[in-house]
PDB file of all heavy atoms in Angstrom:
ATOM      1  N   ARG A   1      -5.246 -42.250 -23.680  1.00  0.00           N
ATOM      2  CA  ARG A   1      -4.684 -41.381 -22.652  1.00  0.00           C
ATOM      3  C   ARG A   1      -3.842 -42.175 -21.639  1.00  0.00           C
ATOM      4  O   ARG A   1      -2.909 -41.648 -21.039  1.00  0.00           O
ATOM      5  CB  ARG A   1      -5.803 -40.618 -21.921  1.00  0.00           C
ATOM      6  CG  ARG A   1      -6.579 -39.681 -22.817  1.00  0.00           C
ATOM      7  CD  ARG A   1      -7.536 -38.804 -22.008  1.00  0.00           C
ATOM      8  NE  ARG A   1      -8.379 -38.019 -22.887  1.00  0.00           N
ATOM      9  CZ  ARG A   1      -9.701 -38.066 -22.909  1.00  0.00           C
ATOM     10  NH1 ARG A   1     -10.353 -38.893 -22.093  1.00  0.00           N
ATOM     11  NH2 ARG A   1     -10.399 -37.313 -23.734  1.00  0.00           N
ATOM     12  N   LYS A   2      -4.231 -43.452 -21.456  1.00  0.00           N
ATOM     13  CA  LYS A   2      -3.512 -44.298 -20.499  1.00  0.00           C
ATOM     14  C   LYS A   2      -2.493 -45.205 -21.177  1.00  0.00           C
ATOM     15  O   LYS A   2      -1.543 -45.682 -20.531  1.00  0.00           O
ATOM     16  CB  LYS A   2      -4.519 -45.170 -19.735  1.00  0.00           C
ATOM     17  CG  LYS A   2      -5.461 -44.404 -18.852  1.00  0.00           C
ATOM     18  CD  LYS A   2      -6.579 -45.263 -18.317  1.00  0.00           C
ATOM     19  CE  LYS A   2      -7.634 -45.505 -19.371  1.00  0.00           C
ATOM     20  NZ  LYS A   2      -8.835 -46.199 -18.825  1.00  0.00           N
ATOM     21  N   GLN A   3      -2.695 -45.499 -22.464  1.00  0.00           N
ATOM     22  CA  GLN A   3      -1.868 -46.513 -23.139  1.00  0.00           C
ATOM     23  C   GLN A   3      -1.259 -46.003 -24.446  1.00  0.00           C
ATOM     24  O   GLN A   3      -1.056 -46.751 -25.379  1.00  0.00           O
ATOM     25  CB  GLN A   3      -2.732 -47.749 -23.434  1.00  0.00           C
ATOM     26  CG  GLN A   3      -3.212 -48.480 -22.193  1.00  0.00           C
ATOM     27  CD  GLN A   3      -2.090 -49.231 -21.502  1.00  0.00           C
ATOM     28  OE1 GLN A   3      -1.129 -49.656 -22.121  1.00  0.00           O
ATOM     29  NE2 GLN A   3      -2.222 -49.400 -20.193  1.00  0.00           N
ATOM     30  N   ARG A   4      -0.939 -44.736 -24.466  1.00  0.00           N
ATOM     31  CA  ARG A   4      -0.402 -44.125 -25.683  1.00  0.00           C
ATOM     32  C   ARG A   4       0.907 -44.794 -26.125  1.00  0.00           C
ATOM     33  O   ARG A   4       1.799 -45.025 -25.331  1.00  0.00           O
ATOM     34  CB  ARG A   4      -0.166 -42.630 -25.432  1.00  0.00           C
ATOM     35  CG  ARG A   4       0.239 -41.854 -26.677  1.00  0.00           C
ATOM     36  CD  ARG A   4       0.379 -40.365 -26.355  1.00  0.00           C
ATOM     37  NE  ARG A   4       0.524 -39.631 -27.614  1.00  0.00           N
ATOM     38  CZ  ARG A   4      -0.500 -39.197 -28.325  1.00  0.00           C
ATOM     39  NH1 ARG A   4      -1.745 -39.406 -27.917  1.00  0.00           N
ATOM     40  NH2 ARG A   4      -0.319 -38.551 -29.449  1.00  0.00           N
ATOM     41  N   GLU A   5       0.973 -45.151 -27.416  1.00  0.00           N
ATOM     42  CA  GLU A   5       2.177 -45.719 -28.033  1.00  0.00           C
ATOM     43  C   GLU A   5       2.753 -46.862 -27.207  1.00  0.00           C
ATOM     44  O   GLU A   5       3.961 -46.912 -26.949  1.00  0.00           O
ATOM     45  CB  GLU A   5       3.191 -44.612 -28.289  1.00  0.00           C
ATOM     46  CG  GLU A   5       2.621 -43.570 -29.267  1.00  0.00           C
ATOM     47  CD  GLU A   5       3.606 -42.505 -29.727  1.00  0.00           C
ATOM     48  OE1 GLU A   5       4.477 -42.127 -28.920  1.00  0.00           O
ATOM     49  OE2 GLU A   5       3.473 -42.048 -30.872  1.00  0.00           O
ATOM     50  N   SER A   6       1.893 -47.809 -26.831  1.00  0.00           N
ATOM     51  CA  SER A   6       2.343 -48.933 -25.990  1.00  0.00           C
ATOM     52  C   SER A   6       2.101 -50.300 -26.621  1.00  0.00           C
ATOM     53  O   SER A   6       2.383 -51.308 -25.986  1.00  0.00           O
ATOM     54  CB  SER A   6       1.642 -48.880 -24.628  1.00  0.00           C
ATOM     55  OG  SER A   6       0.246 -49.028 -24.755  1.00  0.00           O
ATOM     56  N   PHE A   7       1.607 -50.332 -27.874  1.00  0.00           N
ATOM     57  CA  PHE A   7       1.292 -51.613 -28.522  1.00  0.00           C
ATOM     58  C   PHE A   7       2.216 -51.884 -29.713  1.00  0.00           C
ATOM     59  O   PHE A   7       2.527 -50.983 -30.492  1.00  0.00           O
ATOM     60  CB  PHE A   7      -0.158 -51.651 -28.981  1.00  0.00           C
ATOM     61  CG  PHE A   7      -1.149 -51.732 -27.869  1.00  0.00           C
ATOM     62  CD1 PHE A   7      -1.667 -50.583 -27.298  1.00  0.00           C
ATOM     63  CD2 PHE A   7      -1.539 -52.965 -27.363  1.00  0.00           C
ATOM     64  CE1 PHE A   7      -2.577 -50.656 -26.244  1.00  0.00           C
ATOM     65  CE2 PHE A   7      -2.445 -53.054 -26.320  1.00  0.00           C
ATOM     66  CZ  PHE A   7      -2.961 -51.897 -25.750  1.00  0.00           C
ATOM     67  N   ASP A   8       2.610 -53.143 -29.847  1.00  0.00           N
ATOM     68  CA  ASP A   8       3.410 -53.559 -31.008  1.00  0.00           C
ATOM     69  C   ASP A   8       2.543 -53.583 -32.268  1.00  0.00           C
ATOM     70  O   ASP A   8       3.024 -53.271 -33.362  1.00  0.00           O
ATOM     71  CB  ASP A   8       3.985 -54.961 -30.788  1.00  0.00           C
ATOM     72  CG  ASP A   8       4.882 -55.031 -29.562  1.00  0.00           C
ATOM     73  OD1 ASP A   8       5.950 -54.384 -29.588  1.00  0.00           O
ATOM     74  OD2 ASP A   8       4.513 -55.696 -28.585  1.00  0.00           O
ATOM     75  N   THR A   9       1.277 -53.962 -32.104  1.00  0.00           N
ATOM     76  CA  THR A   9       0.362 -54.064 -33.228  1.00  0.00           C
ATOM     77  C   THR A   9      -1.018 -53.554 -32.812  1.00  0.00           C
ATOM     78  O   THR A   9      -1.476 -53.856 -31.700  1.00  0.00           O
ATOM     79  CB  THR A   9       0.189 -55.542 -33.685  1.00  0.00           C
ATOM     80  OG1 THR A   9       1.464 -56.155 -33.811  1.00  0.00           O
ATOM     81  CG2 THR A   9      -0.537 -55.615 -35.014  1.00  0.00           C
ATOM     82  N   VAL A  10      -1.656 -52.802 -33.696  1.00  0.00           N
ATOM     83  CA  VAL A  10      -3.056 -52.410 -33.500  1.00  0.00           C
ATOM     84  C   VAL A  10      -3.838 -52.772 -34.731  1.00  0.00           C
ATOM     85  O   VAL A  10      -3.443 -52.422 -35.855  1.00  0.00           O
ATOM     86  CB  VAL A  10      -3.180 -50.893 -33.200  1.00  0.00           C
ATOM     87  CG1 VAL A  10      -4.657 -50.488 -33.120  1.00  0.00           C
ATOM     88  CG2 VAL A  10      -2.469 -50.525 -31.894  1.00  0.00           C
ATOM     89  N   SER A  11      -4.919 -53.506 -34.544  1.00  0.00           N
ATOM     90  CA  SER A  11      -5.748 -53.932 -35.669  1.00  0.00           C
ATOM     91  C   SER A  11      -7.142 -53.352 -35.538  1.00  0.00           C
ATOM     92  O   SER A  11      -7.562 -52.923 -34.454  1.00  0.00           O
ATOM     93  CB  SER A  11      -5.839 -55.462 -35.713  1.00  0.00           C
ATOM     94  OG  SER A  11      -6.528 -55.929 -34.559  1.00  0.00           O
ATOM     95  N   ALA A  12      -7.872 -53.332 -36.639  1.00  0.00           N
ATOM     96  CA  ALA A  12      -9.272 -52.906 -36.629  1.00  0.00           C
ATOM     97  C   ALA A  12      -9.936 -53.451 -37.880  1.00  0.00           C
ATOM     98  O   ALA A  12      -9.344 -53.481 -38.955  1.00  0.00           O
ATOM     99  CB  ALA A  12      -9.382 -51.388 -36.592  1.00  0.00           C
ATOM    100  N   ARG A  13     -11.184 -53.858 -37.721  1.00  0.00           N
ATOM    101  CA  ARG A  13     -11.953 -54.438 -38.841  1.00  0.00           C
ATOM    102  C   ARG A  13     -13.372 -53.905 -38.799  1.00  0.00           C
ATOM    103  O   ARG A  13     -14.038 -53.962 -37.767  1.00  0.00           O
ATOM    104  CB  ARG A  13     -11.948 -55.971 -38.727  1.00  0.00           C
ATOM    105  CG  ARG A  13     -12.796 -56.721 -39.773  1.00  0.00           C
ATOM    106  CD  ARG A  13     -12.654 -58.207 -39.508  1.00  0.00           C
ATOM    107  NE  ARG A  13     -13.359 -59.045 -40.454  1.00  0.00           N
ATOM    108  CZ  ARG A  13     -14.543 -59.638 -40.198  1.00  0.00           C
ATOM    109  NH1 ARG A  13     -15.141 -59.451 -39.024  1.00  0.00           N
ATOM    110  NH2 ARG A  13     -15.110 -60.415 -41.089  1.00  0.00           N
ATOM    111  N   ALA A  14     -13.821 -53.362 -39.931  1.00  0.00           N
ATOM    112  CA  ALA A  14     -15.212 -52.903 -40.071  1.00  0.00           C
ATOM    113  C   ALA A  14     -15.593 -51.882 -39.004  1.00  0.00           C
ATOM    114  O   ALA A  14     -16.643 -51.965 -38.375  1.00  0.00           O
ATOM    115  CB  ALA A  14     -16.183 -54.091 -40.032  1.00  0.00           C
ATOM    116  N   VAL A  15     -14.695 -50.898 -38.777  1.00  0.00           N
ATOM    117  CA  VAL A  15     -14.957 -49.876 -37.756  1.00  0.00           C
ATOM    118  C   VAL A  15     -15.308 -48.530 -38.382  1.00  0.00           C
ATOM    119  O   VAL A  15     -16.330 -47.937 -38.059  1.00  0.00           O
ATOM    120  CB  VAL A  15     -13.745 -49.717 -36.805  1.00  0.00           C
ATOM    121  CG1 VAL A  15     -13.981 -48.570 -35.819  1.00  0.00           C
ATOM    122  CG2 VAL A  15     -13.504 -51.009 -36.038  1.00  0.00           C
ATOM    123  N   ALA A  16     -14.465 -48.021 -39.280  1.00  0.00           N
ATOM    124  CA  ALA A  16     -14.680 -46.695 -39.870  1.00  0.00           C
ATOM    125  C   ALA A  16     -13.809 -46.539 -41.105  1.00  0.00           C
ATOM    126  O   ALA A  16     -12.920 -47.343 -41.363  1.00  0.00           O
ATOM    127  CB  ALA A  16     -14.325 -45.610 -38.850  1.00  0.00           C
ATOM    128  N   ASN A  17     -14.097 -45.504 -41.865  1.00  0.00           N
ATOM    129  CA  ASN A  17     -13.248 -45.145 -42.997  1.00  0.00           C
ATOM    130  C   ASN A  17     -11.819 -44.937 -42.511  1.00  0.00           C
ATOM    131  O   ASN A  17     -11.601 -44.432 -41.406  1.00  0.00           O
ATOM    132  CB  ASN A  17     -13.787 -43.876 -43.677  1.00  0.00           C
ATOM    133  CG  ASN A  17     -12.997 -43.520 -44.915  1.00  0.00           C
ATOM    134  OD1 ASN A  17     -11.942 -42.890 -44.844  1.00  0.00           O
ATOM    135  ND2 ASN A  17     -13.510 -43.910 -46.059  1.00  0.00           N
ATOM    136  N   LEU A  18     -10.832 -45.283 -43.317  1.00  0.00           N
ATOM    137  CA  LEU A  18      -9.443 -45.285 -42.875  1.00  0.00           C
ATOM    138  C   LEU A  18      -8.954 -43.931 -42.401  1.00  0.00           C
ATOM    139  O   LEU A  18      -8.154 -43.864 -41.452  1.00  0.00           O
ATOM    140  CB  LEU A  18      -8.544 -45.820 -44.003  1.00  0.00           C
ATOM    141  CG  LEU A  18      -7.098 -46.127 -43.641  1.00  0.00           C
ATOM    142  CD1 LEU A  18      -7.013 -47.069 -42.447  1.00  0.00           C
ATOM    143  CD2 LEU A  18      -6.364 -46.715 -44.831  1.00  0.00           C
ATOM    144  N   SER A  19      -9.404 -42.846 -43.007  1.00  0.00           N
ATOM    145  CA  SER A  19      -8.958 -41.507 -42.575  1.00  0.00           C
ATOM    146  C   SER A  19      -9.389 -41.222 -41.144  1.00  0.00           C
ATOM    147  O   SER A  19      -8.691 -40.526 -40.404  1.00  0.00           O
ATOM    148  CB  SER A  19      -9.509 -40.437 -43.525  1.00  0.00           C
ATOM    149  OG  SER A  19      -8.972 -40.590 -44.813  1.00  0.00           O
ATOM    150  N   VAL A  20     -10.546 -41.725 -40.747  1.00  0.00           N
ATOM    151  CA  VAL A  20     -11.048 -41.601 -39.371  1.00  0.00           C
ATOM    152  C   VAL A  20     -10.364 -42.635 -38.483  1.00  0.00           C
ATOM    153  O   VAL A  20      -9.877 -42.339 -37.390  1.00  0.00           O
ATOM    154  CB  VAL A  20     -12.578 -41.776 -39.334  1.00  0.00           C
ATOM    155  CG1 VAL A  20     -13.073 -41.864 -37.894  1.00  0.00           C
ATOM    156  CG2 VAL A  20     -13.256 -40.622 -40.059  1.00  0.00           C
ATOM    157  N   LEU A  21     -10.331 -43.863 -38.956  1.00  0.00           N
ATOM    158  CA  LEU A  21      -9.798 -44.982 -38.179  1.00  0.00           C
ATOM    159  C   LEU A  21      -8.345 -44.762 -37.780  1.00  0.00           C
ATOM    160  O   LEU A  21      -7.936 -45.107 -36.656  1.00  0.00           O
ATOM    161  CB  LEU A  21      -9.925 -46.267 -39.011  1.00  0.00           C
ATOM    162  CG  LEU A  21      -9.551 -47.572 -38.340  1.00  0.00           C
ATOM    163  CD1 LEU A  21     -10.467 -47.865 -37.157  1.00  0.00           C
ATOM    164  CD2 LEU A  21      -9.603 -48.722 -39.350  1.00  0.00           C
ATOM    165  N   ALA A  22      -7.575 -44.190 -38.672  1.00  0.00           N
ATOM    166  CA  ALA A  22      -6.143 -43.973 -38.409  1.00  0.00           C
ATOM    167  C   ALA A  22      -5.939 -43.153 -37.139  1.00  0.00           C
ATOM    168  O   ALA A  22      -5.071 -43.480 -36.315  1.00  0.00           O
ATOM    169  CB  ALA A  22      -5.500 -43.269 -39.595  1.00  0.00           C
ATOM    170  N   GLU A  23      -6.738 -42.106 -36.959  1.00  0.00           N
ATOM    171  CA  GLU A  23      -6.561 -41.251 -35.786  1.00  0.00           C
ATOM    172  C   GLU A  23      -6.967 -41.947 -34.490  1.00  0.00           C
ATOM    173  O   GLU A  23      -6.501 -41.597 -33.424  1.00  0.00           O
ATOM    174  CB  GLU A  23      -7.320 -39.940 -35.955  1.00  0.00           C
ATOM    175  CG  GLU A  23      -6.920 -38.891 -34.932  1.00  0.00           C
ATOM    176  CD  GLU A  23      -7.462 -37.508 -35.225  1.00  0.00           C
ATOM    177  OE1 GLU A  23      -7.918 -37.246 -36.369  1.00  0.00           O
ATOM    178  OE2 GLU A  23      -7.443 -36.667 -34.298  1.00  0.00           O
ATOM    179  N   LEU A  24      -7.849 -42.949 -34.606  1.00  0.00           N
ATOM    180  CA  LEU A  24      -8.266 -43.715 -33.431  1.00  0.00           C
ATOM    181  C   LEU A  24      -7.252 -44.800 -33.061  1.00  0.00           C
ATOM    182  O   LEU A  24      -7.206 -45.234 -31.900  1.00  0.00           O
ATOM    183  CB  LEU A  24      -9.626 -44.392 -33.716  1.00  0.00           C
ATOM    184  CG  LEU A  24     -10.808 -43.465 -34.037  1.00  0.00           C
ATOM    185  CD1 LEU A  24     -12.024 -44.296 -34.417  1.00  0.00           C
ATOM    186  CD2 LEU A  24     -11.113 -42.558 -32.867  1.00  0.00           C
ATOM    187  N   CYS A  25      -6.467 -45.234 -34.044  1.00  0.00           N
ATOM    188  CA  CYS A  25      -5.582 -46.383 -33.816  1.00  0.00           C
ATOM    189  C   CYS A  25      -4.099 -46.064 -33.747  1.00  0.00           C
ATOM    190  O   CYS A  25      -3.385 -46.580 -32.879  1.00  0.00           O
ATOM    191  CB  CYS A  25      -5.809 -47.403 -34.940  1.00  0.00           C
ATOM    192  SG  CYS A  25      -7.461 -48.129 -34.968  1.00  0.00           S
ATOM    193  N   VAL A  26      -3.601 -45.259 -34.674  1.00  0.00           N
ATOM    194  CA  VAL A  26      -2.152 -45.029 -34.772  1.00  0.00           C
ATOM    195  C   VAL A  26      -1.549 -44.473 -33.480  1.00  0.00           C
ATOM    196  O   VAL A  26      -0.428 -44.865 -33.107  1.00  0.00           O
ATOM    197  CB  VAL A  26      -1.811 -44.130 -35.988  1.00  0.00           C
ATOM    198  CG1 VAL A  26      -0.315 -43.823 -36.023  1.00  0.00           C
ATOM    199  CG2 VAL A  26      -2.229 -44.832 -37.280  1.00  0.00           C
ATOM    200  N   PRO A  27      -2.244 -43.583 -32.718  1.00  0.00           N
ATOM    201  CA  PRO A  27      -1.648 -43.121 -31.467  1.00  0.00           C
ATOM    202  C   PRO A  27      -1.391 -44.214 -30.444  1.00  0.00           C
ATOM    203  O   PRO A  27      -0.584 -44.030 -29.530  1.00  0.00           O
ATOM    204  CB  PRO A  27      -2.706 -42.120 -30.943  1.00  0.00           C
ATOM    205  CG  PRO A  27      -3.384 -41.615 -32.174  1.00  0.00           C
ATOM    206  CD  PRO A  27      -3.475 -42.823 -33.058  1.00  0.00           C
ATOM    207  N   LEU A  28      -2.032 -45.372 -30.588  1.00  0.00           N
ATOM    208  CA  LEU A  28      -1.812 -46.490 -29.664  1.00  0.00           C
ATOM    209  C   LEU A  28      -0.554 -47.296 -30.044  1.00  0.00           C
ATOM    210  O   LEU A  28      -0.026 -48.027 -29.200  1.00  0.00           O
ATOM    211  CB  LEU A  28      -3.010 -47.432 -29.670  1.00  0.00           C
ATOM    212  CG  LEU A  28      -4.281 -46.950 -28.973  1.00  0.00           C
ATOM    213  CD1 LEU A  28      -5.457 -47.829 -29.362  1.00  0.00           C
ATOM    214  CD2 LEU A  28      -4.094 -46.940 -27.460  1.00  0.00           C
TER     215      LEU A  28
END
């Protein structure tokens, strides 16, 4: 909500299945 679409790269490891993880990460 504060940092939407503000990162050049977003990474994640061992967090969740990709279909879930995508919605947590791609908006950033």
